Amino acid sequence: MEKLLAEIQHCTLCEKQLPLGPRPIVAAHSKSKILIIGQAPGSVVHNTGVPWDDKSGENLRKWMGIDAAIFYDAEKIGLIPMGFCYPGRGKSGDNPPTKECAPKWHAQLLEQIEQPELILLIGRYAQDYYLGKQLKRTLTETVKNYDAYLPDYFVLPHPSPRNNIWQAKNEWFKIEVLPVLQSKVAELLF
């Protein structure tokens, strides 16, 4: 695993597409129990080099019911984005993750992780890649039917503060989904 992570850290596969240059950000361990597969690092995370080191990460940790010490323990939680580098800014937020990372690195990472017990698929890009035809018509429908993807996957919207409007429109998410997520996380980690 260490050798693979070092290879990823030095990856320049999509360098020409990256406005701030390559800085692959990933954290995993061969014993990671939970994997979080998200979009791509934002500009804050690009600057710090720490995955989910922003408001989205704070929200995700609250959703999961864990603190930063547990979240950043790679033996407990692996943090694997669809695109490992900051993709730059688009019209309504960050650009989509680059398409090269997941096909190049995900299978290799998953082979090195002995027995992930749960994989959180954060946002549409991760869900598209891993669920394929099982995906519902919209992200909302997919998340509403989260239990259809268990026990392997737990689907979630992106925890960005930009999605606060979505959360306000979909109160069932806090009431029905987050307690199940927190229960599963606690069951696996404590």
N, C-alpha and C. Protein backbone atom coordinates (compact mmCIF):
# COMPACT_ATOMS: atom_id res chain seq x y z
N MET A 1 0.83 -1.20 0.00
CA MET A 1 0.00 0.00 0.00
C MET A 1 0.87 1.26 0.00
N GLU A 2 1.92 1.27 0.79
CA GLU A 2 2.78 2.45 0.84
C GLU A 2 3.38 2.78 -0.52
N LYS A 3 3.80 1.74 -1.23
CA LYS A 3 4.37 1.94 -2.57
C LYS A 3 3.33 2.53 -3.52
N LEU A 4 2.11 2.01 -3.48
CA LEU A 4 1.04 2.51 -4.33
C LEU A 4 0.69 3.95 -4.00
N LEU A 5 0.57 4.26 -2.72
CA LEU A 5 0.27 5.64 -2.32
C LEU A 5 1.37 6.60 -2.77
N ALA A 6 2.62 6.15 -2.71
CA ALA A 6 3.74 6.98 -3.18
C ALA A 6 3.63 7.21 -4.68
N GLU A 7 3.25 6.19 -5.43
CA GLU A 7 3.05 6.34 -6.88
C GLU A 7 1.97 7.36 -7.17
N ILE A 8 0.87 7.26 -6.44
CA ILE A 8 -0.24 8.19 -6.64
C ILE A 8 0.21 9.61 -6.31
N GLN A 9 0.96 9.78 -5.23
CA GLN A 9 1.43 11.11 -4.83
C GLN A 9 2.27 11.78 -5.92
N HIS A 10 2.90 10.99 -6.75
CA HIS A 10 3.76 11.53 -7.81
C HIS A 10 3.11 11.52 -9.19
N CYS A 11 1.82 11.21 -9.23
CA CYS A 11 1.10 11.12 -10.50
C CYS A 11 0.99 12.50 -11.16
N THR A 12 1.22 12.54 -12.45
CA THR A 12 1.06 13.78 -13.23
C THR A 12 0.18 13.52 -14.46
N LEU A 13 -0.61 12.47 -14.42
CA LEU A 13 -1.41 12.01 -15.54
C LEU A 13 -2.24 13.12 -16.19
N CYS A 14 -2.89 13.95 -15.41
CA CYS A 14 -3.75 14.99 -15.98
C CYS A 14 -3.23 16.39 -15.68
N GLU A 15 -1.94 16.51 -15.55
CA GLU A 15 -1.29 17.77 -15.20
C GLU A 15 -1.74 18.95 -16.05
N LYS A 16 -1.91 18.74 -17.36
CA LYS A 16 -2.26 19.83 -18.27
C LYS A 16 -3.65 20.39 -18.01
N GLN A 17 -4.51 19.61 -17.37
CA GLN A 17 -5.89 20.05 -17.09
C GLN A 17 -6.02 20.79 -15.76
N LEU A 18 -4.98 20.79 -14.96
CA LEU A 18 -5.08 21.28 -13.58
C LEU A 18 -4.53 22.70 -13.44
N PRO A 19 -5.37 23.66 -13.12
CA PRO A 19 -4.92 25.05 -13.06
C PRO A 19 -3.87 25.32 -11.99
N LEU A 20 -3.88 24.54 -10.90
CA LEU A 20 -2.89 24.73 -9.83
C LEU A 20 -1.82 23.65 -9.84
N GLY A 21 -1.83 22.83 -10.89
CA GLY A 21 -0.86 21.75 -10.98
C GLY A 21 -1.29 20.54 -10.18
N PRO A 22 -0.58 19.43 -10.36
CA PRO A 22 -0.95 18.21 -9.65
C PRO A 22 -0.55 18.25 -8.18
N ARG A 23 -1.44 17.80 -7.35
CA ARG A 23 -1.18 17.56 -5.92
C ARG A 23 -2.17 16.49 -5.48
N PRO A 24 -1.90 15.24 -5.85
CA PRO A 24 -2.83 14.15 -5.51
C PRO A 24 -3.02 14.03 -4.00
N ILE A 25 -4.28 13.93 -3.62
CA ILE A 25 -4.62 13.85 -2.20
C ILE A 25 -5.48 12.61 -1.97
N VAL A 26 -4.94 11.69 -1.20
CA VAL A 26 -5.60 10.43 -0.91
C VAL A 26 -5.04 9.91 0.41
N ALA A 27 -5.86 9.19 1.16
CA ALA A 27 -5.40 8.56 2.40
C ALA A 27 -6.07 7.20 2.52
N ALA A 28 -5.28 6.17 2.67
CA ALA A 28 -5.84 4.82 2.80
C ALA A 28 -4.83 3.92 3.49
N HIS A 29 -5.33 2.81 3.99
CA HIS A 29 -4.50 1.83 4.68
C HIS A 29 -5.03 0.46 4.28
N SER A 30 -4.21 -0.54 4.31
CA SER A 30 -4.67 -1.88 3.94
C SER A 30 -5.78 -2.38 4.86
N LYS A 31 -5.92 -1.79 6.05
CA LYS A 31 -6.94 -2.22 7.00
C LYS A 31 -8.12 -1.25 7.10
N SER A 32 -8.20 -0.24 6.20
CA SER A 32 -9.32 0.72 6.26
C SER A 32 -10.65 -0.04 6.30
N LYS A 33 -11.48 0.28 7.29
CA LYS A 33 -12.77 -0.40 7.45
C LYS A 33 -13.87 0.27 6.63
N ILE A 34 -13.79 1.59 6.57
CA ILE A 34 -14.77 2.37 5.81
C ILE A 34 -14.00 3.14 4.75
N LEU A 35 -14.51 3.15 3.53
CA LEU A 35 -13.93 3.96 2.47
C LEU A 35 -14.89 5.07 2.12
N ILE A 36 -14.35 6.25 1.97
CA ILE A 36 -15.15 7.39 1.54
C ILE A 36 -14.66 7.76 0.15
N ILE A 37 -15.53 7.59 -0.83
CA ILE A 37 -15.19 7.94 -2.20
C ILE A 37 -15.98 9.19 -2.55
N GLY A 38 -15.26 10.29 -2.68
CA GLY A 38 -15.89 11.57 -2.95
C GLY A 38 -15.54 12.09 -4.33
N GLN A 39 -15.67 13.40 -4.52
CA GLN A 39 -15.45 14.02 -5.82
C GLN A 39 -13.97 14.25 -6.09
N ALA A 40 -13.51 15.40 -5.66
CA ALA A 40 -12.12 15.81 -5.85
C ALA A 40 -11.81 16.87 -4.79
N PRO A 41 -10.55 17.04 -4.46
CA PRO A 41 -10.22 18.07 -3.47
C PRO A 41 -10.62 19.46 -3.97
N GLY A 42 -11.05 20.30 -3.05
CA GLY A 42 -11.31 21.70 -3.35
C GLY A 42 -10.02 22.49 -3.20
N SER A 43 -10.10 23.79 -3.40
CA SER A 43 -8.89 24.63 -3.34
C SER A 43 -8.28 24.66 -1.94
N VAL A 44 -9.12 24.66 -0.90
CA VAL A 44 -8.61 24.66 0.48
C VAL A 44 -7.81 23.38 0.72
N VAL A 45 -8.38 22.25 0.32
CA VAL A 45 -7.71 20.96 0.51
C VAL A 45 -6.43 20.90 -0.35
N HIS A 46 -6.48 21.46 -1.54
CA HIS A 46 -5.27 21.52 -2.38
C HIS A 46 -4.16 22.25 -1.62
N ASN A 47 -4.51 23.34 -0.96
CA ASN A 47 -3.50 24.13 -0.24
C ASN A 47 -2.97 23.43 1.00
N THR A 48 -3.84 22.74 1.75
CA THR A 48 -3.39 22.09 3.00
C THR A 48 -2.82 20.70 2.75
N GLY A 49 -3.28 20.04 1.70
CA GLY A 49 -2.85 18.67 1.44
C GLY A 49 -3.55 17.64 2.32
N VAL A 50 -4.56 18.06 3.06
CA VAL A 50 -5.29 17.18 3.97
C VAL A 50 -6.69 16.93 3.39
N PRO A 51 -7.05 15.67 3.12
CA PRO A 51 -8.37 15.40 2.54
C PRO A 51 -9.51 15.88 3.43
N TRP A 52 -10.53 16.42 2.81
CA TRP A 52 -11.74 16.86 3.50
C TRP A 52 -11.45 17.88 4.61
N ASP A 53 -10.40 18.68 4.44
CA ASP A 53 -10.01 19.68 5.43
C ASP A 53 -10.70 21.02 5.11
N ASP A 54 -12.02 20.99 5.09
CA ASP A 54 -12.79 22.18 4.75
C ASP A 54 -14.19 22.03 5.34
N LYS A 55 -15.09 22.95 5.00
CA LYS A 55 -16.46 22.91 5.54
C LYS A 55 -17.18 21.63 5.13
N SER A 56 -16.93 21.16 3.91
CA SER A 56 -17.56 19.90 3.48
C SER A 56 -17.12 18.76 4.39
N GLY A 57 -15.85 18.73 4.74
CA GLY A 57 -15.34 17.70 5.64
C GLY A 57 -15.95 17.80 7.03
N GLU A 58 -16.11 19.03 7.52
CA GLU A 58 -16.75 19.23 8.83
C GLU A 58 -18.17 18.66 8.80
N ASN A 59 -18.90 18.99 7.72
CA ASN A 59 -20.28 18.49 7.60
C ASN A 59 -20.30 16.96 7.52
N LEU A 60 -19.39 16.39 6.73
CA LEU A 60 -19.35 14.94 6.58
C LEU A 60 -19.07 14.26 7.93
N ARG A 61 -18.13 14.79 8.70
CA ARG A 61 -17.83 14.22 10.02
C ARG A 61 -19.06 14.30 10.94
N LYS A 62 -19.80 15.41 10.87
CA LYS A 62 -21.04 15.52 11.66
C LYS A 62 -22.05 14.48 11.21
N TRP A 63 -22.20 14.35 9.89
CA TRP A 63 -23.15 13.35 9.37
C TRP A 63 -22.80 11.96 9.88
N MET A 64 -21.51 11.66 9.92
CA MET A 64 -21.05 10.33 10.33
C MET A 64 -21.05 10.16 11.85
N GLY A 65 -21.08 11.27 12.60
CA GLY A 65 -21.06 11.21 14.05
C GLY A 65 -19.69 10.88 14.62
N ILE A 66 -18.63 11.36 13.95
CA ILE A 66 -17.26 11.08 14.42
C ILE A 66 -16.44 12.37 14.46
N ASP A 67 -15.34 12.31 15.18
CA ASP A 67 -14.46 13.47 15.25
C ASP A 67 -13.30 13.32 14.26
N ALA A 68 -12.50 14.36 14.17
CA ALA A 68 -11.40 14.38 13.21
C ALA A 68 -10.36 13.30 13.49
N ALA A 69 -10.11 12.99 14.76
CA ALA A 69 -9.11 11.97 15.09
C ALA A 69 -9.49 10.61 14.48
N ILE A 70 -10.73 10.25 14.58
CA ILE A 70 -11.19 8.99 13.99
C ILE A 70 -11.21 9.09 12.47
N PHE A 71 -11.73 10.20 11.97
CA PHE A 71 -11.85 10.41 10.52
C PHE A 71 -10.50 10.29 9.82
N TYR A 72 -9.46 10.82 10.45
CA TYR A 72 -8.14 10.82 9.82
C TYR A 72 -7.26 9.63 10.23
N ASP A 73 -7.84 8.63 10.84
CA ASP A 73 -7.12 7.39 11.14
C ASP A 73 -7.34 6.47 9.95
N ALA A 74 -6.34 6.37 9.09
CA ALA A 74 -6.49 5.62 7.83
C ALA A 74 -6.77 4.13 8.05
N GLU A 75 -6.41 3.60 9.21
CA GLU A 75 -6.75 2.20 9.49
C GLU A 75 -8.25 2.05 9.68
N LYS A 76 -8.91 3.13 10.01
CA LYS A 76 -10.36 3.11 10.18
C LYS A 76 -11.07 3.59 8.92
N ILE A 77 -10.57 4.70 8.35
CA ILE A 77 -11.27 5.33 7.23
C ILE A 77 -10.28 5.67 6.12
N GLY A 78 -10.57 5.17 4.92
CA GLY A 78 -9.80 5.52 3.73
C GLY A 78 -10.52 6.63 2.97
N LEU A 79 -9.77 7.60 2.50
CA LEU A 79 -10.34 8.77 1.83
C LEU A 79 -9.84 8.79 0.39
N ILE A 80 -10.71 8.41 -0.53
CA ILE A 80 -10.32 8.22 -1.92
C ILE A 80 -11.24 9.06 -2.82
N PRO A 81 -10.73 10.10 -3.44
CA PRO A 81 -11.58 10.88 -4.34
C PRO A 81 -11.65 10.27 -5.74
N MET A 82 -12.64 10.69 -6.50
CA MET A 82 -12.74 10.26 -7.90
C MET A 82 -11.61 10.89 -8.71
N GLY A 83 -11.31 12.12 -8.43
CA GLY A 83 -10.17 12.82 -9.02
C GLY A 83 -9.27 13.24 -7.88
N PHE A 84 -8.00 12.90 -7.92
CA PHE A 84 -7.11 13.12 -6.77
C PHE A 84 -6.60 14.55 -6.63
N CYS A 85 -6.75 15.37 -7.66
CA CYS A 85 -6.24 16.73 -7.63
C CYS A 85 -7.37 17.75 -7.81
N TYR A 86 -7.13 18.95 -7.34
CA TYR A 86 -8.10 20.04 -7.49
C TYR A 86 -8.31 20.33 -8.98
N PRO A 87 -9.56 20.22 -9.47
CA PRO A 87 -9.81 20.37 -10.90
C PRO A 87 -10.02 21.80 -11.38
N GLY A 88 -9.99 22.76 -10.46
CA GLY A 88 -10.21 24.15 -10.85
C GLY A 88 -11.66 24.57 -10.67
N ARG A 89 -11.88 25.85 -10.84
CA ARG A 89 -13.19 26.46 -10.60
C ARG A 89 -13.99 26.47 -11.90
N GLY A 90 -15.30 26.16 -11.78
CA GLY A 90 -16.22 26.23 -12.90
C GLY A 90 -17.23 27.34 -12.69
N LYS A 91 -18.28 27.36 -13.48
CA LYS A 91 -19.29 28.41 -13.40
C LYS A 91 -20.08 28.37 -12.09
N SER A 92 -20.40 27.18 -11.61
CA SER A 92 -21.23 27.09 -10.40
C SER A 92 -20.56 26.25 -9.31
N GLY A 93 -19.28 26.44 -9.14
CA GLY A 93 -18.52 25.66 -8.16
C GLY A 93 -17.29 25.07 -8.81
N ASP A 94 -16.71 24.08 -8.18
CA ASP A 94 -15.52 23.46 -8.75
C ASP A 94 -15.88 22.64 -9.99
N ASN A 95 -14.92 22.51 -10.88
CA ASN A 95 -15.10 21.65 -12.05
C ASN A 95 -15.27 20.21 -11.60
N PRO A 96 -15.82 19.37 -12.48
CA PRO A 96 -15.92 17.94 -12.16
C PRO A 96 -14.53 17.34 -11.97
N PRO A 97 -14.44 16.23 -11.24
CA PRO A 97 -13.15 15.55 -11.10
C PRO A 97 -12.64 15.10 -12.46
N THR A 98 -11.34 15.08 -12.62
CA THR A 98 -10.78 14.59 -13.88
C THR A 98 -11.15 13.12 -14.03
N LYS A 99 -11.30 12.68 -15.26
CA LYS A 99 -11.79 11.32 -15.52
C LYS A 99 -10.69 10.25 -15.51
N GLU A 100 -9.45 10.66 -15.42
CA GLU A 100 -8.34 9.70 -15.51
C GLU A 100 -8.04 8.96 -14.21
N CYS A 101 -8.27 9.59 -13.07
CA CYS A 101 -7.83 9.03 -11.79
C CYS A 101 -8.51 7.71 -11.43
N ALA A 102 -9.83 7.70 -11.43
CA ALA A 102 -10.53 6.49 -10.98
C ALA A 102 -10.15 5.26 -11.79
N PRO A 103 -10.19 5.31 -13.14
CA PRO A 103 -9.80 4.10 -13.88
C PRO A 103 -8.34 3.70 -13.66
N LYS A 104 -7.48 4.68 -13.47
CA LYS A 104 -6.05 4.39 -13.29
C LYS A 104 -5.75 3.82 -11.91
N TRP A 105 -6.37 4.36 -10.84
CA TRP A 105 -5.93 4.05 -9.49
C TRP A 105 -6.92 3.32 -8.59
N HIS A 106 -8.22 3.46 -8.79
CA HIS A 106 -9.18 2.90 -7.83
C HIS A 106 -9.06 1.39 -7.66
N ALA A 107 -9.04 0.65 -8.76
CA ALA A 107 -8.97 -0.82 -8.64
C ALA A 107 -7.71 -1.23 -7.88
N GLN A 108 -6.60 -0.56 -8.15
CA GLN A 108 -5.35 -0.89 -7.45
C GLN A 108 -5.48 -0.62 -5.95
N LEU A 109 -6.09 0.50 -5.61
CA LEU A 109 -6.29 0.82 -4.19
C LEU A 109 -7.20 -0.21 -3.53
N LEU A 110 -8.31 -0.51 -4.18
CA LEU A 110 -9.27 -1.46 -3.59
C LEU A 110 -8.66 -2.85 -3.43
N GLU A 111 -7.77 -3.24 -4.33
CA GLU A 111 -7.08 -4.53 -4.19
C GLU A 111 -6.19 -4.56 -2.96
N GLN A 112 -5.64 -3.43 -2.59
CA GLN A 112 -4.72 -3.36 -1.44
C GLN A 112 -5.45 -3.28 -0.09
N ILE A 113 -6.74 -2.97 -0.13
CA ILE A 113 -7.51 -2.85 1.12
C ILE A 113 -8.16 -4.19 1.40
N GLU A 114 -7.77 -4.79 2.51
CA GLU A 114 -8.14 -6.17 2.83
C GLU A 114 -9.65 -6.42 2.85
N GLN A 115 -10.36 -5.63 3.59
CA GLN A 115 -11.78 -5.93 3.76
C GLN A 115 -12.56 -4.66 4.12
N PRO A 116 -12.75 -3.74 3.18
CA PRO A 116 -13.57 -2.59 3.55
C PRO A 116 -14.99 -3.07 3.84
N GLU A 117 -15.52 -2.67 4.97
CA GLU A 117 -16.83 -3.15 5.37
C GLU A 117 -17.96 -2.26 4.88
N LEU A 118 -17.62 -1.03 4.50
CA LEU A 118 -18.63 -0.11 3.98
C LEU A 118 -17.93 0.92 3.11
N ILE A 119 -18.57 1.25 2.00
CA ILE A 119 -18.04 2.28 1.10
C ILE A 119 -19.10 3.37 0.98
N LEU A 120 -18.73 4.59 1.40
CA LEU A 120 -19.62 5.74 1.25
C LEU A 120 -19.36 6.35 -0.12
N LEU A 121 -20.39 6.46 -0.93
CA LEU A 121 -20.29 7.09 -2.24
C LEU A 121 -20.88 8.49 -2.12
N ILE A 122 -20.00 9.48 -2.13
CA ILE A 122 -20.39 10.86 -1.89
C ILE A 122 -20.58 11.59 -3.23
N GLY A 123 -21.81 11.95 -3.52
CA GLY A 123 -22.10 12.73 -4.71
C GLY A 123 -22.27 11.90 -5.97
N ARG A 124 -22.73 12.55 -7.00
CA ARG A 124 -23.12 11.88 -8.23
C ARG A 124 -21.95 11.25 -8.99
N TYR A 125 -20.78 11.86 -8.98
CA TYR A 125 -19.66 11.30 -9.75
C TYR A 125 -19.26 9.92 -9.22
N ALA A 126 -19.15 9.79 -7.91
CA ALA A 126 -18.81 8.49 -7.32
C ALA A 126 -19.94 7.48 -7.54
N GLN A 127 -21.16 7.95 -7.41
CA GLN A 127 -22.31 7.07 -7.59
C GLN A 127 -22.42 6.59 -9.03
N ASP A 128 -22.22 7.49 -9.99
CA ASP A 128 -22.23 7.09 -11.40
C ASP A 128 -21.20 6.01 -11.67
N TYR A 129 -20.00 6.21 -11.17
CA TYR A 129 -18.89 5.30 -11.44
C TYR A 129 -19.12 3.91 -10.83
N TYR A 130 -19.59 3.89 -9.59
CA TYR A 130 -19.70 2.62 -8.87
C TYR A 130 -21.07 1.93 -8.99
N LEU A 131 -22.11 2.69 -9.23
CA LEU A 131 -23.44 2.08 -9.28
C LEU A 131 -23.92 1.82 -10.70
N GLY A 132 -23.43 2.59 -11.65
CA GLY A 132 -23.81 2.39 -13.04
C GLY A 132 -25.31 2.35 -13.25
N LYS A 133 -25.81 1.25 -13.79
CA LYS A 133 -27.24 1.13 -14.13
C LYS A 133 -28.14 1.02 -12.90
N GLN A 134 -27.57 0.76 -11.74
CA GLN A 134 -28.38 0.69 -10.51
C GLN A 134 -28.79 2.07 -10.01
N LEU A 135 -28.17 3.09 -10.56
CA LEU A 135 -28.43 4.47 -10.16
C LEU A 135 -29.87 4.85 -10.48
N LYS A 136 -30.48 5.61 -9.62
CA LYS A 136 -31.83 6.13 -9.88
C LYS A 136 -31.71 7.35 -10.80
N ARG A 137 -32.85 7.87 -11.21
CA ARG A 137 -32.89 8.97 -12.18
C ARG A 137 -32.21 10.25 -11.67
N THR A 138 -32.37 10.55 -10.38
CA THR A 138 -31.77 11.75 -9.81
C THR A 138 -30.97 11.39 -8.56
N LEU A 139 -30.11 12.29 -8.15
CA LEU A 139 -29.35 12.09 -6.91
C LEU A 139 -30.32 11.95 -5.73
N THR A 140 -31.36 12.77 -5.70
CA THR A 140 -32.32 12.71 -4.61
C THR A 140 -32.96 11.32 -4.53
N GLU A 141 -33.38 10.78 -5.67
CA GLU A 141 -33.98 9.44 -5.68
C GLU A 141 -32.97 8.39 -5.23
N THR A 142 -31.73 8.54 -5.67
CA THR A 142 -30.69 7.58 -5.28
C THR A 142 -30.50 7.60 -3.77
N VAL A 143 -30.37 8.80 -3.20
CA VAL A 143 -30.15 8.92 -1.75
C VAL A 143 -31.38 8.44 -0.98
N LYS A 144 -32.56 8.77 -1.49
CA LYS A 144 -33.79 8.34 -0.82
C LYS A 144 -33.88 6.81 -0.76
N ASN A 145 -33.30 6.15 -1.73
CA ASN A 145 -33.30 4.68 -1.79
C ASN A 145 -31.95 4.10 -1.33
N TYR A 146 -31.30 4.77 -0.42
CA TYR A 146 -29.97 4.38 0.05
C TYR A 146 -29.90 2.91 0.47
N ASP A 147 -30.98 2.41 1.07
CA ASP A 147 -30.95 1.04 1.59
C ASP A 147 -30.89 -0.01 0.50
N ALA A 148 -31.21 0.37 -0.74
CA ALA A 148 -31.13 -0.57 -1.86
C ALA A 148 -29.67 -0.91 -2.20
N TYR A 149 -28.74 -0.08 -1.76
CA TYR A 149 -27.31 -0.26 -2.09
C TYR A 149 -26.52 -0.89 -0.94
N LEU A 150 -27.17 -1.03 0.20
CA LEU A 150 -26.51 -1.67 1.34
C LEU A 150 -26.48 -3.18 1.12
N PRO A 151 -25.56 -3.90 1.67
CA PRO A 151 -24.58 -3.51 2.68
C PRO A 151 -23.27 -2.97 2.11
N ASP A 152 -23.09 -3.01 0.79
CA ASP A 152 -21.81 -2.61 0.21
C ASP A 152 -21.59 -1.10 0.17
N TYR A 153 -22.61 -0.39 -0.26
CA TYR A 153 -22.47 1.05 -0.46
C TYR A 153 -23.50 1.82 0.35
N PHE A 154 -23.08 3.01 0.81
CA PHE A 154 -24.00 3.94 1.43
C PHE A 154 -23.89 5.22 0.60
N VAL A 155 -24.99 5.62 -0.04
CA VAL A 155 -24.96 6.78 -0.94
C VAL A 155 -25.37 8.04 -0.19
N LEU A 156 -24.65 9.12 -0.48
CA LEU A 156 -24.91 10.40 0.17
C LEU A 156 -24.76 11.54 -0.84
N PRO A 157 -25.44 12.65 -0.60
CA PRO A 157 -25.17 13.84 -1.41
C PRO A 157 -23.82 14.41 -0.97
N HIS A 158 -23.31 15.35 -1.72
CA HIS A 158 -22.07 15.99 -1.29
C HIS A 158 -22.38 16.86 -0.07
N PRO A 159 -21.52 16.85 0.95
CA PRO A 159 -21.79 17.61 2.17
C PRO A 159 -21.39 19.09 2.09
N SER A 160 -21.18 19.59 0.91
CA SER A 160 -20.82 20.99 0.72
C SER A 160 -21.90 21.92 1.29
N PRO A 161 -21.49 23.04 1.90
CA PRO A 161 -22.48 24.03 2.33
C PRO A 161 -23.36 24.51 1.17
N ARG A 162 -22.87 24.36 -0.07
CA ARG A 162 -23.69 24.74 -1.23
C ARG A 162 -24.94 23.87 -1.33
N ASN A 163 -24.93 22.70 -0.66
CA ASN A 163 -26.08 21.80 -0.70
C ASN A 163 -27.03 22.00 0.47
N ASN A 164 -26.87 23.09 1.22
CA ASN A 164 -27.78 23.36 2.34
C ASN A 164 -29.22 23.53 1.85
N ILE A 165 -29.39 24.10 0.66
CA ILE A 165 -30.73 24.27 0.11
C ILE A 165 -31.36 22.89 -0.16
N TRP A 166 -30.57 21.97 -0.72
CA TRP A 166 -31.06 20.61 -0.97
C TRP A 166 -31.49 19.97 0.35
N GLN A 167 -30.66 20.13 1.37
CA GLN A 167 -30.98 19.53 2.67
C GLN A 167 -32.26 20.13 3.26
N ALA A 168 -32.44 21.44 3.09
CA ALA A 168 -33.64 22.09 3.61
C ALA A 168 -34.89 21.58 2.89
N LYS A 169 -34.78 21.30 1.61
CA LYS A 169 -35.92 20.78 0.83
C LYS A 169 -36.18 19.30 1.09
N ASN A 170 -35.18 18.61 1.61
CA ASN A 170 -35.27 17.16 1.81
C ASN A 170 -34.98 16.80 3.27
N GLU A 171 -35.88 17.23 4.15
CA GLU A 171 -35.68 17.01 5.58
C GLU A 171 -35.61 15.54 5.95
N TRP A 172 -36.20 14.67 5.14
CA TRP A 172 -36.14 13.23 5.39
C TRP A 172 -34.70 12.74 5.48
N PHE A 173 -33.78 13.45 4.80
CA PHE A 173 -32.38 13.04 4.82
C PHE A 173 -31.84 13.04 6.25
N LYS A 174 -32.09 14.13 6.99
CA LYS A 174 -31.62 14.21 8.38
C LYS A 174 -32.36 13.23 9.29
N ILE A 175 -33.64 13.07 9.03
CA ILE A 175 -34.49 12.27 9.91
C ILE A 175 -34.32 10.77 9.65
N GLU A 176 -34.25 10.38 8.37
CA GLU A 176 -34.25 8.96 8.03
C GLU A 176 -32.87 8.38 7.71
N VAL A 177 -32.05 9.16 7.00
CA VAL A 177 -30.79 8.62 6.48
C VAL A 177 -29.63 8.76 7.46
N LEU A 178 -29.45 9.97 8.00
CA LEU A 178 -28.28 10.19 8.86
C LEU A 178 -28.24 9.30 10.11
N PRO A 179 -29.37 9.04 10.77
CA PRO A 179 -29.29 8.12 11.91
C PRO A 179 -28.81 6.71 11.52
N VAL A 180 -29.20 6.24 10.34
CA VAL A 180 -28.76 4.93 9.88
C VAL A 180 -27.26 4.97 9.59
N LEU A 181 -26.82 6.03 8.94
CA LEU A 181 -25.39 6.20 8.66
C LEU A 181 -24.59 6.18 9.95
N GLN A 182 -25.00 6.99 10.92
CA GLN A 182 -24.27 7.08 12.19
C GLN A 182 -24.25 5.74 12.91
N SER A 183 -25.34 5.02 12.85
CA SER A 183 -25.41 3.71 13.48
C SER A 183 -24.43 2.73 12.83
N LYS A 184 -24.39 2.71 11.50
CA LYS A 184 -23.48 1.81 10.77
C LYS A 184 -22.02 2.17 11.04
N VAL A 185 -21.72 3.47 11.05
CA VAL A 185 -20.35 3.91 11.32
C VAL A 185 -19.93 3.50 12.73
N ALA A 186 -20.80 3.73 13.70
CA ALA A 186 -20.49 3.37 15.10
C ALA A 186 -20.29 1.86 15.23
N GLU A 187 -21.13 1.10 14.56
CA GLU A 187 -21.04 -0.36 14.60
C GLU A 187 -19.70 -0.87 14.07
N LEU A 188 -19.18 -0.22 13.05
CA LEU A 188 -17.93 -0.64 12.43
C LEU A 188 -16.68 -0.12 13.15
N LEU A 189 -16.79 1.03 13.78
CA LEU A 189 -15.59 1.67 14.33
C LEU A 189 -15.46 1.59 15.85
N PHE A 190 -16.54 1.34 16.54
CA PHE A 190 -16.45 1.38 18.02
C PHE A 190 -16.77 0.04 18.64
